[in-house]
Amino acid sequence: MAYSFVEPRAGMLNIDQTDSGVTMANGSSAVPTPPATLGQVARAFDPTYGEGEFILLVGVASTVVGSLVSYNATTYQTALSANTANLAGPVAVAMSACTAGLFGWYQIGGLAVIKKTAVAVSPQVAVYQSATTGRVMATAASGKQILGARAANLASVTSTTSTVIVSINRPHKQGAVT
């Protein structure tokens, strides 16, 4: 993936890179290197996957490219998406190995390449949180659907393939099933 910003700004962190940030003069905790700001949303284009939308968030340990993370919309802190039903909240896809203490871009719109478990994925199906944190599956599970996300593959993806292309639009985990 070679995303380039649609509306470039001088000094912006590339989509596939991480930033250790800077510490402010008052000695407070690190912040992303300016001009980037936490929660900032930007659009970028890739020749294969088209246009996508990305948000700048704080990384968490064990994040790899394609990990599904949940994030706090106030603190912008991520966590690998957990195998818990009815945990409504926003999710995004890691664009870099953005581990703890780093800042990086996460995809929230467009065609995303997401890590999946060892199950086959039929074309154009709903995706669900898998038993493996940070991964999706195509097997229906009550309270675990990723809303605003649907597999975009045109042919079946085998169980031995570790990723699946998913069309996402500000995805979030399913809340309580009533």
N, C-alpha and C. Protein backbone atom coordinates (compact mmCIF):
# COMPACT_ATOMS: atom_id res chain seq x y z
N MET A 1 0.84 -1.17 0.00
CA MET A 1 0.00 0.00 0.00
C MET A 1 0.89 1.24 0.00
N ALA A 2 0.55 2.14 -0.88
CA ALA A 2 1.34 3.36 -1.01
C ALA A 2 0.41 4.57 -1.00
N TYR A 3 -0.19 4.83 0.14
CA TYR A 3 -1.12 5.95 0.25
C TYR A 3 -0.38 7.27 0.24
N SER A 4 -0.95 8.24 -0.50
CA SER A 4 -0.46 9.61 -0.52
C SER A 4 -1.62 10.52 -0.15
N PHE A 5 -1.35 11.52 0.66
CA PHE A 5 -2.41 12.43 1.10
C PHE A 5 -3.06 13.12 -0.09
N VAL A 6 -4.38 13.24 -0.05
CA VAL A 6 -5.13 13.93 -1.09
C VAL A 6 -4.95 15.43 -0.92
N GLU A 7 -4.89 15.88 0.33
CA GLU A 7 -4.68 17.29 0.65
C GLU A 7 -3.39 17.39 1.46
N PRO A 8 -2.23 17.34 0.78
CA PRO A 8 -0.96 17.29 1.52
C PRO A 8 -0.68 18.55 2.33
N ARG A 9 -0.02 18.34 3.46
CA ARG A 9 0.45 19.44 4.31
C ARG A 9 1.92 19.19 4.58
N ALA A 10 2.70 20.20 4.56
CA ALA A 10 4.13 20.06 4.82
C ALA A 10 4.36 19.46 6.20
N GLY A 11 5.25 18.49 6.28
CA GLY A 11 5.63 17.92 7.56
C GLY A 11 4.75 16.81 8.08
N MET A 12 3.74 16.38 7.33
CA MET A 12 2.83 15.34 7.81
C MET A 12 3.51 13.97 7.82
N LEU A 13 3.21 13.19 8.83
CA LEU A 13 3.69 11.82 8.97
C LEU A 13 3.07 10.96 7.87
N ASN A 14 3.90 10.19 7.16
CA ASN A 14 3.36 9.30 6.12
C ASN A 14 2.41 8.29 6.73
N ILE A 15 1.45 7.83 5.93
CA ILE A 15 0.41 6.91 6.39
C ILE A 15 1.01 5.63 6.98
N ASP A 16 2.10 5.12 6.42
CA ASP A 16 2.67 3.84 6.85
C ASP A 16 3.80 3.97 7.88
N GLN A 17 3.95 5.14 8.49
CA GLN A 17 5.02 5.36 9.46
C GLN A 17 4.46 5.67 10.84
N THR A 18 5.34 5.60 11.85
CA THR A 18 4.95 5.96 13.21
C THR A 18 5.78 7.16 13.67
N ASP A 19 5.33 7.78 14.74
CA ASP A 19 5.96 8.98 15.28
C ASP A 19 6.06 8.83 16.79
N SER A 20 7.25 9.06 17.34
CA SER A 20 7.41 8.99 18.80
C SER A 20 6.99 10.29 19.47
N GLY A 21 6.68 11.30 18.67
CA GLY A 21 6.16 12.56 19.19
C GLY A 21 7.23 13.46 19.77
N VAL A 22 6.78 14.53 20.38
CA VAL A 22 7.65 15.50 21.04
C VAL A 22 7.07 15.81 22.41
N THR A 23 7.95 16.15 23.36
CA THR A 23 7.50 16.55 24.68
C THR A 23 7.41 18.06 24.70
N MET A 24 6.31 18.56 25.19
CA MET A 24 6.09 20.00 25.21
C MET A 24 7.03 20.67 26.22
N ALA A 25 7.23 21.96 26.07
CA ALA A 25 8.15 22.73 26.92
C ALA A 25 7.78 22.64 28.40
N ASN A 26 6.50 22.46 28.71
CA ASN A 26 6.08 22.39 30.11
C ASN A 26 6.31 21.01 30.71
N GLY A 27 6.91 20.07 29.93
CA GLY A 27 7.25 18.75 30.44
C GLY A 27 6.10 17.77 30.48
N SER A 28 4.96 18.15 29.90
CA SER A 28 3.82 17.23 29.88
C SER A 28 4.13 16.05 28.97
N SER A 29 3.23 15.13 28.87
CA SER A 29 3.45 13.93 28.07
C SER A 29 3.62 14.28 26.59
N ALA A 30 4.15 13.32 25.86
CA ALA A 30 4.43 13.53 24.44
C ALA A 30 3.14 13.74 23.64
N VAL A 31 3.28 14.51 22.59
CA VAL A 31 2.20 14.74 21.64
C VAL A 31 2.76 14.46 20.25
N PRO A 32 1.89 14.21 19.26
CA PRO A 32 2.42 13.99 17.92
C PRO A 32 3.22 15.19 17.43
N THR A 33 4.22 14.91 16.62
CA THR A 33 5.04 15.98 16.07
C THR A 33 4.18 16.89 15.19
N PRO A 34 4.15 18.19 15.48
CA PRO A 34 3.35 19.10 14.64
C PRO A 34 3.80 19.03 13.19
N PRO A 35 2.89 19.19 12.24
CA PRO A 35 1.56 19.75 12.37
C PRO A 35 0.48 18.73 12.73
N ALA A 36 0.85 17.47 12.97
CA ALA A 36 -0.15 16.44 13.30
C ALA A 36 -0.75 16.68 14.68
N THR A 37 -2.02 16.32 14.83
CA THR A 37 -2.70 16.39 16.13
C THR A 37 -3.53 15.13 16.32
N LEU A 38 -3.62 14.65 17.54
CA LEU A 38 -4.41 13.45 17.83
C LEU A 38 -5.86 13.65 17.39
N GLY A 39 -6.41 12.62 16.79
CA GLY A 39 -7.79 12.66 16.32
C GLY A 39 -7.95 13.32 14.97
N GLN A 40 -6.86 13.83 14.42
CA GLN A 40 -6.92 14.45 13.10
C GLN A 40 -7.34 13.42 12.07
N VAL A 41 -8.21 13.79 11.17
CA VAL A 41 -8.68 12.91 10.09
C VAL A 41 -8.16 13.46 8.77
N ALA A 42 -7.65 12.56 7.94
CA ALA A 42 -7.11 12.96 6.64
C ALA A 42 -7.50 11.93 5.59
N ARG A 43 -7.57 12.38 4.35
CA ARG A 43 -7.85 11.48 3.22
C ARG A 43 -6.56 11.24 2.45
N ALA A 44 -6.43 10.01 1.94
CA ALA A 44 -5.26 9.66 1.15
C ALA A 44 -5.69 8.71 0.04
N PHE A 45 -4.85 8.61 -1.00
CA PHE A 45 -5.17 7.80 -2.17
C PHE A 45 -4.09 6.75 -2.40
N ASP A 46 -4.51 5.54 -2.75
CA ASP A 46 -3.60 4.46 -3.11
C ASP A 46 -4.00 3.98 -4.51
N PRO A 47 -3.03 3.73 -5.41
CA PRO A 47 -3.36 3.32 -6.78
C PRO A 47 -4.13 1.99 -6.85
N THR A 48 -3.97 1.12 -5.88
CA THR A 48 -4.66 -0.18 -5.87
C THR A 48 -6.00 -0.10 -5.14
N TYR A 49 -6.01 0.52 -3.96
CA TYR A 49 -7.20 0.50 -3.10
C TYR A 49 -8.05 1.76 -3.18
N GLY A 50 -7.64 2.75 -3.92
CA GLY A 50 -8.42 3.97 -4.07
C GLY A 50 -8.27 4.89 -2.87
N GLU A 51 -9.27 5.73 -2.67
CA GLU A 51 -9.21 6.72 -1.61
C GLU A 51 -9.64 6.12 -0.28
N GLY A 52 -8.97 6.54 0.78
CA GLY A 52 -9.30 6.10 2.12
C GLY A 52 -9.29 7.27 3.07
N GLU A 53 -9.85 7.03 4.26
CA GLU A 53 -9.90 8.04 5.30
C GLU A 53 -9.16 7.49 6.52
N PHE A 54 -8.37 8.33 7.18
CA PHE A 54 -7.49 7.89 8.25
C PHE A 54 -7.58 8.83 9.44
N ILE A 55 -7.34 8.27 10.64
CA ILE A 55 -7.35 9.06 11.87
C ILE A 55 -6.03 8.81 12.60
N LEU A 56 -5.47 9.86 13.20
CA LEU A 56 -4.22 9.75 13.95
C LEU A 56 -4.53 9.37 15.39
N LEU A 57 -3.97 8.22 15.82
CA LEU A 57 -4.25 7.68 17.15
C LEU A 57 -2.96 7.28 17.86
N VAL A 58 -3.08 6.93 19.16
CA VAL A 58 -1.97 6.45 19.98
C VAL A 58 -1.94 4.93 19.89
N GLY A 59 -0.76 4.36 19.63
CA GLY A 59 -0.62 2.92 19.46
C GLY A 59 -0.68 2.14 20.77
N VAL A 60 -0.71 0.80 20.61
CA VAL A 60 -0.74 -0.12 21.74
C VAL A 60 0.17 -1.30 21.41
N ALA A 61 0.71 -1.95 22.43
CA ALA A 61 1.62 -3.09 22.24
C ALA A 61 0.99 -4.15 21.34
N SER A 62 1.84 -4.83 20.58
CA SER A 62 1.48 -5.95 19.70
C SER A 62 0.70 -5.55 18.46
N THR A 63 0.60 -4.27 18.14
CA THR A 63 -0.08 -3.84 16.92
C THR A 63 0.81 -4.13 15.72
N VAL A 64 0.22 -4.72 14.69
CA VAL A 64 0.91 -4.94 13.42
C VAL A 64 0.07 -4.31 12.32
N VAL A 65 0.65 -4.16 11.15
CA VAL A 65 -0.10 -3.62 10.01
C VAL A 65 -1.31 -4.52 9.77
N GLY A 66 -2.49 -3.93 9.70
CA GLY A 66 -3.72 -4.68 9.47
C GLY A 66 -4.46 -5.07 10.73
N SER A 67 -3.92 -4.77 11.91
CA SER A 67 -4.63 -5.08 13.15
C SER A 67 -5.90 -4.24 13.25
N LEU A 68 -6.96 -4.86 13.76
CA LEU A 68 -8.18 -4.12 14.06
C LEU A 68 -8.07 -3.64 15.50
N VAL A 69 -8.23 -2.34 15.70
CA VAL A 69 -8.15 -1.78 17.04
C VAL A 69 -9.45 -1.06 17.37
N SER A 70 -9.79 -1.07 18.65
CA SER A 70 -10.85 -0.19 19.13
C SER A 70 -10.14 1.03 19.67
N TYR A 71 -10.83 2.17 19.69
CA TYR A 71 -10.18 3.37 20.22
C TYR A 71 -11.16 4.24 20.97
N ASN A 72 -10.61 4.98 21.92
CA ASN A 72 -11.39 5.90 22.71
C ASN A 72 -11.46 7.21 21.94
N ALA A 73 -12.66 7.66 21.62
CA ALA A 73 -12.84 8.86 20.81
C ALA A 73 -12.53 10.16 21.57
N THR A 74 -12.19 10.07 22.84
CA THR A 74 -11.81 11.25 23.63
C THR A 74 -10.31 11.32 23.85
N THR A 75 -9.69 10.17 24.20
CA THR A 75 -8.25 10.14 24.48
C THR A 75 -7.44 9.70 23.26
N TYR A 76 -8.09 9.09 22.28
CA TYR A 76 -7.46 8.57 21.06
C TYR A 76 -6.51 7.40 21.32
N GLN A 77 -6.65 6.77 22.48
CA GLN A 77 -5.85 5.59 22.84
C GLN A 77 -6.47 4.35 22.18
N THR A 78 -5.63 3.48 21.63
CA THR A 78 -6.12 2.26 20.99
C THR A 78 -5.93 1.05 21.89
N ALA A 79 -6.65 -0.02 21.55
CA ALA A 79 -6.48 -1.34 22.15
C ALA A 79 -6.80 -2.34 21.05
N LEU A 80 -6.07 -3.44 21.00
CA LEU A 80 -6.42 -4.45 20.01
C LEU A 80 -7.87 -4.85 20.26
N SER A 81 -8.65 -4.92 19.20
CA SER A 81 -10.07 -5.20 19.32
C SER A 81 -10.30 -6.54 20.01
N ALA A 82 -11.01 -6.51 21.12
CA ALA A 82 -11.17 -7.68 21.99
C ALA A 82 -12.32 -8.59 21.55
N ASN A 83 -12.21 -9.85 21.94
CA ASN A 83 -13.22 -10.87 21.65
C ASN A 83 -14.31 -10.81 22.71
N THR A 84 -15.02 -9.71 22.76
CA THR A 84 -16.11 -9.53 23.72
C THR A 84 -17.33 -9.05 22.97
N ALA A 85 -18.46 -9.71 23.21
CA ALA A 85 -19.70 -9.33 22.54
C ALA A 85 -20.25 -8.03 23.13
N ASN A 86 -21.02 -7.32 22.32
CA ASN A 86 -21.78 -6.14 22.75
C ASN A 86 -20.91 -5.00 23.28
N LEU A 87 -19.71 -4.84 22.72
CA LEU A 87 -18.81 -3.77 23.13
C LEU A 87 -18.87 -2.64 22.11
N ALA A 88 -19.97 -1.95 22.03
CA ALA A 88 -20.13 -0.89 21.05
C ALA A 88 -19.00 0.14 21.17
N GLY A 89 -18.50 0.59 20.03
CA GLY A 89 -17.47 1.60 20.02
C GLY A 89 -16.75 1.60 18.69
N PRO A 90 -16.05 2.69 18.37
CA PRO A 90 -15.38 2.79 17.08
C PRO A 90 -14.17 1.85 16.97
N VAL A 91 -13.92 1.39 15.75
CA VAL A 91 -12.73 0.59 15.45
C VAL A 91 -12.04 1.16 14.23
N ALA A 92 -10.77 0.81 14.07
CA ALA A 92 -9.97 1.28 12.94
C ALA A 92 -8.92 0.22 12.62
N VAL A 93 -8.25 0.38 11.48
CA VAL A 93 -7.27 -0.59 11.02
C VAL A 93 -5.88 0.05 11.03
N ALA A 94 -4.92 -0.61 11.71
CA ALA A 94 -3.57 -0.08 11.82
C ALA A 94 -2.87 -0.07 10.47
N MET A 95 -2.25 1.04 10.14
CA MET A 95 -1.50 1.19 8.88
C MET A 95 -0.01 0.99 9.09
N SER A 96 0.42 0.80 10.34
CA SER A 96 1.83 0.58 10.66
C SER A 96 1.88 -0.25 11.94
N ALA A 97 3.07 -0.69 12.31
CA ALA A 97 3.27 -1.39 13.58
C ALA A 97 3.37 -0.32 14.66
N CYS A 98 2.25 0.30 14.95
CA CYS A 98 2.19 1.44 15.86
C CYS A 98 2.00 0.92 17.28
N THR A 99 3.12 0.63 17.94
CA THR A 99 3.07 0.04 19.27
C THR A 99 2.95 1.11 20.35
N ALA A 100 2.94 0.67 21.61
CA ALA A 100 2.73 1.56 22.75
C ALA A 100 3.65 2.78 22.73
N GLY A 101 3.07 3.93 22.99
CA GLY A 101 3.84 5.17 23.06
C GLY A 101 4.11 5.84 21.73
N LEU A 102 3.67 5.22 20.63
CA LEU A 102 3.87 5.82 19.31
C LEU A 102 2.55 6.37 18.79
N PHE A 103 2.64 7.26 17.83
CA PHE A 103 1.47 7.82 17.16
C PHE A 103 1.47 7.32 15.73
N GLY A 104 0.29 7.03 15.19
CA GLY A 104 0.23 6.55 13.82
C GLY A 104 -1.16 6.67 13.23
N TRP A 105 -1.23 6.43 11.93
CA TRP A 105 -2.49 6.53 11.20
C TRP A 105 -3.23 5.19 11.21
N TYR A 106 -4.54 5.28 11.34
CA TYR A 106 -5.43 4.12 11.34
C TYR A 106 -6.54 4.39 10.34
N GLN A 107 -6.88 3.40 9.54
CA GLN A 107 -7.88 3.60 8.50
C GLN A 107 -9.29 3.47 9.06
N ILE A 108 -10.16 4.42 8.66
CA ILE A 108 -11.56 4.40 9.08
C ILE A 108 -12.52 4.49 7.89
N GLY A 109 -11.98 4.56 6.69
CA GLY A 109 -12.84 4.61 5.50
C GLY A 109 -12.10 4.10 4.28
N GLY A 110 -12.85 3.46 3.36
CA GLY A 110 -12.27 2.95 2.12
C GLY A 110 -12.06 1.45 2.17
N LEU A 111 -11.21 0.95 1.27
CA LEU A 111 -10.88 -0.48 1.24
C LEU A 111 -9.68 -0.72 2.13
N ALA A 112 -9.89 -1.48 3.21
CA ALA A 112 -8.85 -1.74 4.20
C ALA A 112 -8.41 -3.20 4.13
N VAL A 113 -7.12 -3.42 4.28
CA VAL A 113 -6.58 -4.79 4.35
C VAL A 113 -6.46 -5.13 5.83
N ILE A 114 -7.30 -6.08 6.29
CA ILE A 114 -7.40 -6.40 7.72
C ILE A 114 -6.94 -7.83 7.97
N LYS A 115 -6.24 -8.03 9.08
CA LYS A 115 -5.85 -9.38 9.50
C LYS A 115 -7.10 -10.18 9.84
N LYS A 116 -7.08 -11.47 9.45
CA LYS A 116 -8.22 -12.34 9.74
C LYS A 116 -7.74 -13.64 10.35
N THR A 117 -8.67 -14.39 10.90
CA THR A 117 -8.33 -15.70 11.44
C THR A 117 -8.31 -16.72 10.31
N ALA A 118 -7.97 -17.96 10.64
CA ALA A 118 -7.82 -19.03 9.65
C ALA A 118 -9.17 -19.62 9.25
N VAL A 119 -10.04 -18.77 8.71
CA VAL A 119 -11.33 -19.22 8.17
C VAL A 119 -11.46 -18.64 6.76
N ALA A 120 -12.16 -19.37 5.91
CA ALA A 120 -12.41 -18.88 4.55
C ALA A 120 -13.41 -17.72 4.62
N VAL A 121 -13.30 -16.81 3.66
CA VAL A 121 -14.22 -15.67 3.60
C VAL A 121 -14.87 -15.66 2.23
N SER A 122 -16.19 -15.84 2.21
CA SER A 122 -16.94 -15.76 0.96
C SER A 122 -17.02 -14.31 0.52
N PRO A 123 -17.30 -14.08 -0.77
CA PRO A 123 -17.39 -12.70 -1.26
C PRO A 123 -18.53 -11.90 -0.61
N GLN A 124 -18.24 -10.64 -0.34
CA GLN A 124 -19.25 -9.65 0.05
C GLN A 124 -20.06 -10.02 1.29
N VAL A 125 -19.41 -10.56 2.33
CA VAL A 125 -20.13 -10.95 3.54
C VAL A 125 -19.82 -9.98 4.69
N ALA A 126 -20.65 -10.02 5.71
CA ALA A 126 -20.40 -9.24 6.92
C ALA A 126 -19.16 -9.79 7.62
N VAL A 127 -18.48 -8.95 8.40
CA VAL A 127 -17.33 -9.41 9.18
C VAL A 127 -17.61 -9.21 10.66
N TYR A 128 -16.95 -10.05 11.46
CA TYR A 128 -17.18 -10.11 12.90
C TYR A 128 -15.84 -10.10 13.64
N GLN A 129 -15.85 -9.68 14.89
CA GLN A 129 -14.68 -9.79 15.75
C GLN A 129 -14.40 -11.27 15.96
N SER A 130 -13.16 -11.68 15.78
CA SER A 130 -12.81 -13.09 15.98
C SER A 130 -12.38 -13.34 17.42
N ALA A 131 -12.13 -14.60 17.73
CA ALA A 131 -11.64 -14.97 19.06
C ALA A 131 -10.21 -14.48 19.25
N THR A 132 -9.52 -14.18 18.17
CA THR A 132 -8.16 -13.65 18.24
C THR A 132 -8.23 -12.13 18.26
N THR A 133 -7.72 -11.50 19.30
CA THR A 133 -7.77 -10.04 19.38
C THR A 133 -7.10 -9.41 18.18
N GLY A 134 -7.70 -8.33 17.68
CA GLY A 134 -7.13 -7.59 16.57
C GLY A 134 -7.40 -8.20 15.21
N ARG A 135 -8.22 -9.25 15.13
CA ARG A 135 -8.51 -9.90 13.85
C ARG A 135 -10.01 -10.03 13.64
N VAL A 136 -10.40 -10.21 12.38
CA VAL A 136 -11.80 -10.40 12.03
C VAL A 136 -12.01 -11.81 11.49
N MET A 137 -13.28 -12.17 11.37
CA MET A 137 -13.66 -13.45 10.77
C MET A 137 -14.98 -13.25 10.05
N ALA A 138 -15.36 -14.23 9.24
CA ALA A 138 -16.63 -14.14 8.51
C ALA A 138 -17.71 -14.99 9.16
N THR A 139 -17.39 -15.65 10.26
CA THR A 139 -18.35 -16.51 10.95
C THR A 139 -19.25 -15.65 11.84
N ALA A 140 -20.56 -15.73 11.63
CA ALA A 140 -21.50 -14.92 12.40
C ALA A 140 -21.38 -15.22 13.89
N ALA A 141 -21.37 -14.16 14.71
CA ALA A 141 -21.30 -14.28 16.16
C ALA A 141 -22.13 -13.14 16.75
N SER A 142 -23.15 -13.48 17.51
CA SER A 142 -24.06 -12.50 18.07
C SER A 142 -23.33 -11.46 18.91
N GLY A 143 -23.59 -10.19 18.60
CA GLY A 143 -22.99 -9.09 19.35
C GLY A 143 -21.57 -8.76 18.96
N LYS A 144 -21.03 -9.42 17.91
CA LYS A 144 -19.64 -9.19 17.52
C LYS A 144 -19.48 -8.68 16.09
N GLN A 145 -20.57 -8.31 15.44
CA GLN A 145 -20.46 -7.82 14.07
C GLN A 145 -19.75 -6.46 14.06
N ILE A 146 -18.94 -6.25 13.02
CA ILE A 146 -18.31 -4.95 12.82
C ILE A 146 -19.23 -4.19 11.87
N LEU A 147 -19.97 -3.24 12.42
CA LEU A 147 -20.94 -2.47 11.63
C LEU A 147 -20.19 -1.43 10.81
N GLY A 148 -20.67 -1.16 9.60
CA GLY A 148 -19.97 -0.24 8.72
C GLY A 148 -18.78 -0.92 8.05
N ALA A 149 -18.82 -2.26 7.97
CA ALA A 149 -17.73 -3.03 7.36
C ALA A 149 -18.30 -4.25 6.65
N ARG A 150 -17.78 -4.52 5.46
CA ARG A 150 -18.23 -5.69 4.69
C ARG A 150 -17.07 -6.17 3.83
N ALA A 151 -16.85 -7.47 3.79
CA ALA A 151 -15.78 -8.03 2.97
C ALA A 151 -15.97 -7.55 1.53
N ALA A 152 -14.88 -7.14 0.90
CA ALA A 152 -14.95 -6.58 -0.45
C ALA A 152 -14.36 -7.53 -1.49
N ASN A 153 -13.99 -8.74 -1.06
CA ASN A 153 -13.40 -9.70 -1.99
C ASN A 153 -14.43 -10.16 -3.02
N LEU A 154 -13.98 -10.38 -4.27
CA LEU A 154 -14.86 -10.82 -5.35
C LEU A 154 -14.88 -12.34 -5.49
N ALA A 155 -13.87 -13.00 -4.92
CA ALA A 155 -13.80 -14.46 -4.91
C ALA A 155 -13.53 -14.89 -3.47
N SER A 156 -13.76 -16.15 -3.17
CA SER A 156 -13.51 -16.64 -1.81
C SER A 156 -12.04 -16.49 -1.45
N VAL A 157 -11.79 -16.09 -0.20
CA VAL A 157 -10.44 -15.99 0.34
C VAL A 157 -10.23 -17.24 1.18
N THR A 158 -9.14 -17.97 0.92
CA THR A 158 -8.90 -19.23 1.62
C THR A 158 -8.58 -19.03 3.09
N SER A 159 -8.71 -20.09 3.85
CA SER A 159 -8.41 -20.04 5.28
C SER A 159 -6.93 -19.82 5.54
N THR A 160 -6.06 -20.13 4.57
CA THR A 160 -4.62 -19.97 4.76
C THR A 160 -4.13 -18.55 4.47
N THR A 161 -4.98 -17.71 3.89
CA THR A 161 -4.63 -16.31 3.64
C THR A 161 -4.86 -15.54 4.93
N SER A 162 -3.90 -14.70 5.32
CA SER A 162 -3.97 -14.05 6.64
C SER A 162 -4.71 -12.71 6.64
N THR A 163 -5.09 -12.19 5.46
CA THR A 163 -5.79 -10.91 5.40
C THR A 163 -7.00 -10.99 4.49
N VAL A 164 -7.88 -10.02 4.63
CA VAL A 164 -9.03 -9.88 3.75
C VAL A 164 -9.24 -8.39 3.49
N ILE A 165 -9.67 -8.05 2.28
CA ILE A 165 -9.98 -6.66 1.96
C ILE A 165 -11.42 -6.39 2.39
N VAL A 166 -11.59 -5.34 3.17
CA VAL A 166 -12.90 -5.01 3.73
C VAL A 166 -13.23 -3.55 3.40
N SER A 167 -14.43 -3.33 2.90
CA SER A 167 -14.90 -1.97 2.67
C SER A 167 -15.41 -1.43 4.00
N ILE A 168 -14.80 -0.33 4.48
CA ILE A 168 -15.19 0.22 5.77
C ILE A 168 -15.65 1.67 5.63
N ASN A 169 -16.58 2.05 6.49
CA ASN A 169 -17.07 3.42 6.55
C ASN A 169 -17.32 3.76 8.01
N ARG A 170 -16.29 4.35 8.66
CA ARG A 170 -16.36 4.68 10.09
C ARG A 170 -16.90 3.49 10.88
N PRO A 171 -16.22 2.34 10.83
CA PRO A 171 -16.73 1.12 11.43
C PRO A 171 -16.77 1.19 12.96
N HIS A 172 -17.66 0.38 13.53
CA HIS A 172 -17.76 0.28 14.98
C HIS A 172 -18.29 -1.10 15.35
N LYS A 173 -17.99 -1.50 16.58
CA LYS A 173 -18.43 -2.80 17.06
C LYS A 173 -19.90 -2.73 17.45
N GLN A 174 -20.55 -3.86 17.25
CA GLN A 174 -21.97 -3.97 17.53
C GLN A 174 -22.23 -3.83 19.03
N GLY A 175 -23.29 -3.13 19.36
CA GLY A 175 -23.68 -2.98 20.76
C GLY A 175 -24.59 -4.11 21.19
N ALA A 176 -25.31 -3.92 22.25
CA ALA A 176 -26.18 -4.95 22.80
C ALA A 176 -27.20 -5.42 21.78
N VAL A 177 -27.39 -6.73 21.73
CA VAL A 177 -28.38 -7.33 20.84
C VAL A 177 -29.64 -7.55 21.67
N THR A 178 -30.73 -6.89 21.28
CA THR A 178 -31.96 -7.01 22.05
C THR A 178 -33.02 -7.78 21.32
